[in-house]
PDB file of N, CA and C in Angstrom:
ATOM      1  N   MET A   1      23.026  40.385 199.241  1.00  0.00           N
ATOM      2  CA  MET A   1      22.697  41.286 198.013  1.00  0.00           C
ATOM      3  C   MET A   1      23.414  42.562 198.222  1.00  0.00           C
ATOM      4  N   PRO A   2      24.164  42.946 197.085  1.00  0.00           N
ATOM      5  CA  PRO A   2      25.049  44.253 197.139  1.00  0.00           C
ATOM      6  C   PRO A   2      24.199  45.441 197.020  1.00  0.00           C
ATOM      7  N   LEU A   3      24.535  46.336 197.582  1.00  0.00           N
ATOM      8  CA  LEU A   3      23.779  47.772 197.574  1.00  0.00           C
ATOM      9  C   LEU A   3      24.680  48.632 196.574  1.00  0.00           C
ATOM     10  N   TYR A   4      24.097  49.121 195.459  1.00  0.00           N
ATOM     11  CA  TYR A   4      25.029  50.007 194.552  1.00  0.00           C
ATOM     12  C   TYR A   4      24.484  51.337 194.622  1.00  0.00           C
ATOM     13  N   GLN A   5      25.355  52.293 194.734  1.00  0.00           N
ATOM     14  CA  GLN A   5      24.707  53.679 194.514  1.00  0.00           C
ATOM     15  C   GLN A   5      25.624  54.196 193.236  1.00  0.00           C
ATOM     16  N   ILE A   6      24.718  54.624 192.181  1.00  0.00           N
ATOM     17  CA  ILE A   6      25.430  55.079 190.901  1.00  0.00           C
ATOM     18  C   ILE A   6      25.117  56.359 190.699  1.00  0.00           C
ATOM     19  N   TRP A   7      26.291  57.165 190.434  1.00  0.00           N
ATOM     20  CA  TRP A   7      25.970  58.597 189.995  1.00  0.00           C
ATOM     21  C   TRP A   7      26.585  58.912 188.610  1.00  0.00           C
ATOM     22  N   TYR A   8      25.943  59.705 187.813  1.00  0.00           N
ATOM     23  CA  TYR A   8      26.048  59.867 186.577  1.00  0.00           C
ATOM     24  C   TYR A   8      25.531  61.227 186.144  1.00  0.00           C
ATOM     25  N   ASN A   9      26.219  61.631 185.055  1.00  0.00           N
ATOM     26  CA  ASN A   9      25.789  63.027 184.212  1.00  0.00           C
ATOM     27  C   ASN A   9      25.788  64.136 185.480  1.00  0.00           C
ATOM     28  N   ASP A  10      26.644  64.039 186.368  1.00  0.00           N
ATOM     29  CA  ASP A  10      26.724  65.005 187.294  1.00  0.00           C
ATOM     30  C   ASP A  10      25.386  65.353 188.236  1.00  0.00           C
ATOM     31  N   LEU A  11      24.652  64.237 188.448  1.00  0.00           N
ATOM     32  CA  LEU A  11      23.498  64.335 189.098  1.00  0.00           C
ATOM     33  C   LEU A  11      23.799  64.254 190.701  1.00  0.00           C
ATOM     34  N   ASP A  12      23.131  65.024 191.698  1.00  0.00           N
ATOM     35  CA  ASP A  12      23.528  65.247 193.017  1.00  0.00           C
ATOM     36  C   ASP A  12      23.275  63.972 193.784  1.00  0.00           C
ATOM     37  N   GLN A  13      22.010  63.371 193.375  1.00  0.00           N
ATOM     38  CA  GLN A  13      21.645  62.217 194.111  1.00  0.00           C
ATOM     39  C   GLN A  13      21.791  60.729 193.295  1.00  0.00           C
ATOM     40  N   PRO A  14      22.472  59.952 193.964  1.00  0.00           N
ATOM     41  CA  PRO A  14      22.614  58.650 193.067  1.00  0.00           C
ATOM     42  C   PRO A  14      21.481  57.782 192.738  1.00  0.00           C
ATOM     43  N   LEU A  15      21.515  56.913 191.890  1.00  0.00           N
ATOM     44  CA  LEU A  15      20.628  56.008 191.521  1.00  0.00           C
ATOM     45  C   LEU A  15      21.033  54.747 192.513  1.00  0.00           C
ATOM     46  N   VAL A  16      20.034  54.283 193.207  1.00  0.00           N
ATOM     47  CA  VAL A  16      20.315  53.338 194.351  1.00  0.00           C
ATOM     48  C   VAL A  16      19.572  51.909 193.826  1.00  0.00           C
ATOM     49  N   ILE A  17      20.339  50.859 193.608  1.00  0.00           N
ATOM     50  CA  ILE A  17      19.755  49.641 193.347  1.00  0.00           C
ATOM     51  C   ILE A  17      20.420  48.485 194.362  1.00  0.00           C
ATOM     52  N   ASN A  18      19.470  47.379 194.476  1.00  0.00           N
ATOM     53  CA  ASN A  18      19.852  46.387 195.267  1.00  0.00           C
ATOM     54  C   ASN A  18      19.527  45.027 194.499  1.00  0.00           C
ATOM     55  N   PRO A  19      20.481  44.638 193.672  1.00  0.00           N
ATOM     56  CA  PRO A  19      20.138  43.336 192.767  1.00  0.00           C
ATOM     57  C   PRO A  19      20.362  42.179 193.644  1.00  0.00           C
ATOM     58  N   PRO A  20      20.061  41.110 193.348  1.00  0.00           N
ATOM     59  CA  PRO A  20      20.442  39.832 194.021  1.00  0.00           C
ATOM     60  C   PRO A  20      21.835  39.302 193.702  1.00  0.00           C
ATOM     61  N   TYR A  21      22.537  40.004 192.920  1.00  0.00           N
ATOM     62  CA  TYR A  21      24.041  39.612 192.617  1.00  0.00           C
ATOM     63  C   TYR A  21      24.852  40.530 192.215  1.00  0.00           C
ATOM     64  N   ARG A  22      26.231  40.462 192.013  1.00  0.00           N
ATOM     65  CA  ARG A  22      27.033  41.517 191.687  1.00  0.00           C
ATOM     66  C   ARG A  22      26.900  41.673 190.111  1.00  0.00           C
ATOM     67  N   LEU A  23      26.738  43.048 189.848  1.00  0.00           N
ATOM     68  CA  LEU A  23      26.663  43.377 188.351  1.00  0.00           C
ATOM     69  C   LEU A  23      28.130  43.830 187.865  1.00  0.00           C
ATOM     70  N   ARG A  24      28.196  43.215 186.475  1.00  0.00           N
ATOM     71  CA  ARG A  24      29.255  43.661 185.833  1.00  0.00           C
ATOM     72  C   ARG A  24      29.127  45.535 185.433  1.00  0.00           C
ATOM     73  N   ASP A  25      30.199  45.973 184.856  1.00  0.00           N
ATOM     74  CA  ASP A  25      30.106  47.288 184.565  1.00  0.00           C
ATOM     75  C   ASP A  25      29.097  47.408 183.414  1.00  0.00           C
ATOM     76  N   ILE A  26      28.972  46.593 182.544  1.00  0.00           N
ATOM     77  CA  ILE A  26      27.826  46.784 181.453  1.00  0.00           C
ATOM     78  C   ILE A  26      26.563  46.660 181.910  1.00  0.00           C
ATOM     79  N   GLU A  27      26.489  45.910 182.946  1.00  0.00           N
ATOM     80  CA  GLU A  27      24.860  45.875 183.699  1.00  0.00           C
ATOM     81  C   GLU A  27      24.713  47.143 184.473  1.00  0.00           C
ATOM     82  N   ILE A  28      25.798  47.836 185.016  1.00  0.00           N
ATOM     83  CA  ILE A  28      25.431  49.116 185.686  1.00  0.00           C
ATOM     84  C   ILE A  28      25.129  50.257 184.693  1.00  0.00           C
ATOM     85  N   VAL A  29      25.695  50.154 183.502  1.00  0.00           N
ATOM     86  CA  VAL A  29      25.292  51.252 182.314  1.00  0.00           C
ATOM     87  C   VAL A  29      23.836  50.879 182.116  1.00  0.00           C
ATOM     88  N   GLY A  30      23.636  49.493 181.808  1.00  0.00           N
ATOM     89  CA  GLY A  30      22.119  49.136 181.457  1.00  0.00           C
ATOM     90  C   GLY A  30      21.177  49.542 182.641  1.00  0.00           C
ATOM     91  N   GLU A  31      21.585  49.533 183.734  1.00  0.00           N
ATOM     92  CA  GLU A  31      20.452  49.958 185.037  1.00  0.00           C
ATOM     93  C   GLU A  31      20.256  51.422 184.703  1.00  0.00           C
ATOM     94  N   VAL A  32      21.378  52.284 184.374  1.00  0.00           N
ATOM     95  CA  VAL A  32      21.157  53.853 184.358  1.00  0.00           C
ATOM     96  C   VAL A  32      20.245  54.031 183.038  1.00  0.00           C
ATOM     97  N   LEU A  33      20.491  53.319 182.132  1.00  0.00           N
ATOM     98  CA  LEU A  33      19.544  53.452 180.688  1.00  0.00           C
ATOM     99  C   LEU A  33      18.228  52.930 181.124  1.00  0.00           C
ATOM    100  N   ARG A  34      17.947  51.906 181.667  1.00  0.00           N
ATOM    101  CA  ARG A  34      16.673  51.663 182.132  1.00  0.00           C
ATOM    102  C   ARG A  34      15.891  52.609 183.128  1.00  0.00           C
ATOM    103  N   HIS A  35      16.737  53.256 184.007  1.00  0.00           N
ATOM    104  CA  HIS A  35      16.296  54.335 184.871  1.00  0.00           C
ATOM    105  C   HIS A  35      15.872  55.457 184.084  1.00  0.00           C
ATOM    106  N   GLU A  36      16.628  55.781 183.302  1.00  0.00           N
ATOM    107  CA  GLU A  36      16.508  56.889 182.415  1.00  0.00           C
ATOM    108  C   GLU A  36      15.182  56.742 181.376  1.00  0.00           C
ATOM    109  N   ARG A  37      15.016  55.548 181.150  1.00  0.00           N
ATOM    110  CA  ARG A  37      13.888  55.109 180.149  1.00  0.00           C
ATOM    111  C   ARG A  37      14.352  55.527 178.871  1.00  0.00           C
ATOM    112  N   ARG A  38      15.581  55.382 178.360  1.00  0.00           N
ATOM    113  CA  ARG A  38      16.117  55.728 177.034  1.00  0.00           C
ATOM    114  C   ARG A  38      15.624  54.818 176.074  1.00  0.00           C
ATOM    115  N   ASP A  39      15.355  55.177 174.991  1.00  0.00           N
ATOM    116  CA  ASP A  39      15.355  54.339 173.824  1.00  0.00           C
ATOM    117  C   ASP A  39      16.701  54.160 173.311  1.00  0.00           C
ATOM    118  N   ASN A  40      17.511  53.446 174.039  1.00  0.00           N
ATOM    119  CA  ASN A  40      19.008  53.506 173.616  1.00  0.00           C
ATOM    120  C   ASN A  40      19.177  52.584 172.374  1.00  0.00           C
ATOM    121  N   ARG A  41      20.282  53.100 171.691  1.00  0.00           N
ATOM    122  CA  ARG A  41      20.528  52.408 170.275  1.00  0.00           C
ATOM    123  C   ARG A  41      21.044  51.101 170.502  1.00  0.00           C
ATOM    124  N   GLN A  42      21.577  50.695 171.648  1.00  0.00           N
ATOM    125  CA  GLN A  42      22.368  49.409 171.978  1.00  0.00           C
ATOM    126  C   GLN A  42      21.617  48.880 173.320  1.00  0.00           C
ATOM    127  N   SER A  43      21.563  47.705 173.333  1.00  0.00           N
ATOM    128  CA  SER A  43      21.002  46.983 174.651  1.00  0.00           C
ATOM    129  C   SER A  43      21.988  47.026 175.697  1.00  0.00           C
ATOM    130  N   ALA A  44      21.436  46.715 176.862  1.00  0.00           N
ATOM    131  CA  ALA A  44      22.467  46.577 178.000  1.00  0.00           C
ATOM    132  C   ALA A  44      23.448  45.339 177.961  1.00  0.00           C
ATOM    133  N   ASP A  45      23.027  44.440 176.939  1.00  0.00           N
ATOM    134  CA  ASP A  45      23.907  43.247 176.731  1.00  0.00           C
ATOM    135  C   ASP A  45      24.528  43.182 175.398  1.00  0.00           C
ATOM    136  N   PRO A  46      25.124  44.324 174.903  1.00  0.00           N
ATOM    137  CA  PRO A  46      25.670  44.260 173.521  1.00  0.00           C
ATOM    138  C   PRO A  46      26.639  43.391 173.200  1.00  0.00           C
ATOM    139  N   SER A  47      26.508  43.015 171.811  1.00  0.00           N
ATOM    140  CA  SER A  47      27.587  42.114 171.431  1.00  0.00           C
ATOM    141  C   SER A  47      28.840  42.711 171.037  1.00  0.00           C
ATOM    142  N   GLY A  48      29.887  42.524 171.766  1.00  0.00           N
ATOM    143  CA  GLY A  48      31.163  43.281 171.538  1.00  0.00           C
ATOM    144  C   GLY A  48      31.296  44.846 171.856  1.00  0.00           C
ATOM    145  N   LEU A  49      30.230  45.394 172.473  1.00  0.00           N
ATOM    146  CA  LEU A  49      30.478  46.888 172.988  1.00  0.00           C
ATOM    147  C   LEU A  49      30.897  46.818 174.630  1.00  0.00           C
ATOM    148  N   THR A  50      31.899  47.626 174.957  1.00  0.00           N
ATOM    149  CA  THR A  50      32.442  47.836 176.293  1.00  0.00           C
ATOM    150  C   THR A  50      31.442  48.583 176.924  1.00  0.00           C
ATOM    151  N   ALA A  51      31.511  48.770 178.200  1.00  0.00           N
ATOM    152  CA  ALA A  51      30.660  49.729 178.995  1.00  0.00           C
ATOM    153  C   ALA A  51      30.902  51.183 178.578  1.00  0.00           C
ATOM    154  N   ARG A  52      32.170  51.601 178.302  1.00  0.00           N
ATOM    155  CA  ARG A  52      32.508  52.862 177.792  1.00  0.00           C
ATOM    156  C   ARG A  52      31.890  53.196 176.560  1.00  0.00           C
ATOM    157  N   GLU A  53      31.744  52.382 175.373  1.00  0.00           N
ATOM    158  CA  GLU A  53      31.361  52.414 174.237  1.00  0.00           C
ATOM    159  C   GLU A  53      29.891  52.579 174.281  1.00  0.00           C
ATOM    160  N   LEU A  54      29.187  51.858 175.257  1.00  0.00           N
ATOM    161  CA  LEU A  54      27.773  51.971 175.320  1.00  0.00           C
ATOM    162  C   LEU A  54      27.283  53.326 176.164  1.00  0.00           C
ATOM    163  N   MET A  55      28.285  53.614 176.970  1.00  0.00           N
ATOM    164  CA  MET A  55      27.909  55.025 177.502  1.00  0.00           C
ATOM    165  C   MET A  55      28.087  56.261 176.508  1.00  0.00           C
ATOM    166  N   ARG A  56      29.162  55.985 175.729  1.00  0.00           N
ATOM    167  CA  ARG A  56      29.139  57.116 174.618  1.00  0.00           C
ATOM    168  C   ARG A  56      28.214  57.046 173.719  1.00  0.00           C
ATOM    169  N   VAL A  57      27.668  55.944 173.152  1.00  0.00           N
ATOM    170  CA  VAL A  57      26.576  55.931 172.147  1.00  0.00           C
ATOM    171  C   VAL A  57      25.344  56.427 172.723  1.00  0.00           C
ATOM    172  N   ASN A  58      25.168  56.310 174.070  1.00  0.00           N
ATOM    173  CA  ASN A  58      23.998  56.919 174.784  1.00  0.00           C
ATOM    174  C   ASN A  58      24.141  58.280 175.532  1.00  0.00           C
ATOM    175  N   GLY A  59      25.093  58.803 175.296  1.00  0.00           N
ATOM    176  CA  GLY A  59      25.284  60.125 175.843  1.00  0.00           C
ATOM    177  C   GLY A  59      25.503  60.256 177.346  1.00  0.00           C
ATOM    178  N   LEU A  60      25.944  59.106 178.127  1.00  0.00           N
ATOM    179  CA  LEU A  60      26.241  59.087 179.353  1.00  0.00           C
ATOM    180  C   LEU A  60      27.785  59.619 179.577  1.00  0.00           C
ATOM    181  N   ARG A  61      27.887  60.527 180.736  1.00  0.00           N
ATOM    182  CA  ARG A  61      29.312  60.633 180.932  1.00  0.00           C
ATOM    183  C   ARG A  61      29.462  60.834 182.589  1.00  0.00           C
ATOM    184  N   ASP A  62      30.604  60.528 182.823  1.00  0.00           N
ATOM    185  CA  ASP A  62      30.819  60.750 184.346  1.00  0.00           C
ATOM    186  C   ASP A  62      30.134  59.692 185.272  1.00  0.00           C
ATOM    187  N   VAL A  63      30.199  58.351 184.763  1.00  0.00           N
ATOM    188  CA  VAL A  63      29.519  57.222 185.696  1.00  0.00           C
ATOM    189  C   VAL A  63      30.339  56.591 186.471  1.00  0.00           C
ATOM    190  N   ARG A  64      30.045  56.585 187.848  1.00  0.00           N
ATOM    191  CA  ARG A  64      30.845  55.997 188.910  1.00  0.00           C
ATOM    192  C   ARG A  64      29.837  55.514 189.831  1.00  0.00           C
ATOM    193  N   TYR A  65      30.296  54.653 190.578  1.00  0.00           N
ATOM    194  CA  TYR A  65      29.394  53.857 191.423  1.00  0.00           C
ATOM    195  C   TYR A  65      30.329  53.237 192.569  1.00  0.00           C
ATOM    196  N   THR A  66      29.553  52.863 193.665  1.00  0.00           N
ATOM    197  CA  THR A  66      30.133  52.219 194.893  1.00  0.00           C
ATOM    198  C   THR A  66      29.132  50.889 195.045  1.00  0.00           C
ATOM    199  N   MET A  67      29.747  50.044 195.512  1.00  0.00           N
ATOM    200  CA  MET A  67      29.135  48.647 195.905  1.00  0.00           C
ATOM    201  C   MET A  67      29.297  48.559 197.423  1.00  0.00           C
ATOM    202  N   ASP A  68      28.189  48.550 198.116  1.00  0.00           N
ATOM    203  CA  ASP A  68      28.088  48.550 199.472  1.00  0.00           C
ATOM    204  C   ASP A  68      28.906  49.632 200.186  1.00  0.00           C
ATOM    205  N   GLU A  69      29.983  49.656 200.654  1.00  0.00           N
ATOM    206  CA  GLU A  69      30.966  50.545 201.241  1.00  0.00           C
ATOM    207  C   GLU A  69      32.188  50.646 200.613  1.00  0.00           C
ATOM    208  N   SER A  70      32.140  50.199 199.316  1.00  0.00           N
ATOM    209  CA  SER A  70      33.617  50.095 198.725  1.00  0.00           C
ATOM    210  C   SER A  70      33.954  51.572 198.360  1.00  0.00           C
ATOM    211  N   GLU A  71      35.280  51.645 197.891  1.00  0.00           N
ATOM    212  CA  GLU A  71      35.716  52.953 197.294  1.00  0.00           C
ATOM    213  C   GLU A  71      34.926  53.048 195.975  1.00  0.00           C
ATOM    214  N   PRO A  72      34.792  54.289 195.280  1.00  0.00           N
ATOM    215  CA  PRO A  72      34.045  54.733 194.093  1.00  0.00           C
ATOM    216  C   PRO A  72      34.879  54.114 192.866  1.00  0.00           C
ATOM    217  N   VAL A  73      34.147  53.481 191.899  1.00  0.00           N
ATOM    218  CA  VAL A  73      34.641  53.076 190.707  1.00  0.00           C
ATOM    219  C   VAL A  73      34.083  53.971 189.592  1.00  0.00           C
ATOM    220  N   ARG A  74      35.023  54.447 188.838  1.00  0.00           N
ATOM    221  CA  ARG A  74      34.656  55.388 187.634  1.00  0.00           C
ATOM    222  C   ARG A  74      34.676  54.675 186.541  1.00  0.00           C
ATOM    223  N   LEU A  75      33.488  54.803 185.641  1.00  0.00           N
ATOM    224  CA  LEU A  75      33.338  54.200 184.413  1.00  0.00           C
ATOM    225  C   LEU A  75      33.921  55.060 183.100  1.00  0.00           C
ATOM    226  N   SER A  76      34.017  56.407 183.354  1.00  0.00           N
ATOM    227  CA  SER A  76      34.037  57.066 182.292  1.00  0.00           C
ATOM    228  C   SER A  76      35.619  57.751 182.207  1.00  0.00           C
TER     229      SER A  76
END
């Protein structure tokens, strides 16, 4: 089970999740939206939206994450 650390909107502490499988970028954005309990205008599994578009619609910026001990991946 991978361990994700997700930073967004310049927060100091990451959101830490440990799902039973690897997440796609769009699912990582969905985890942030669930954590924020936002009434997002688009779902985490949108039809046709990219992760960046979903971030823009919901006002997220500077989303980056690590999986286990990997190099950081930036979505913004």
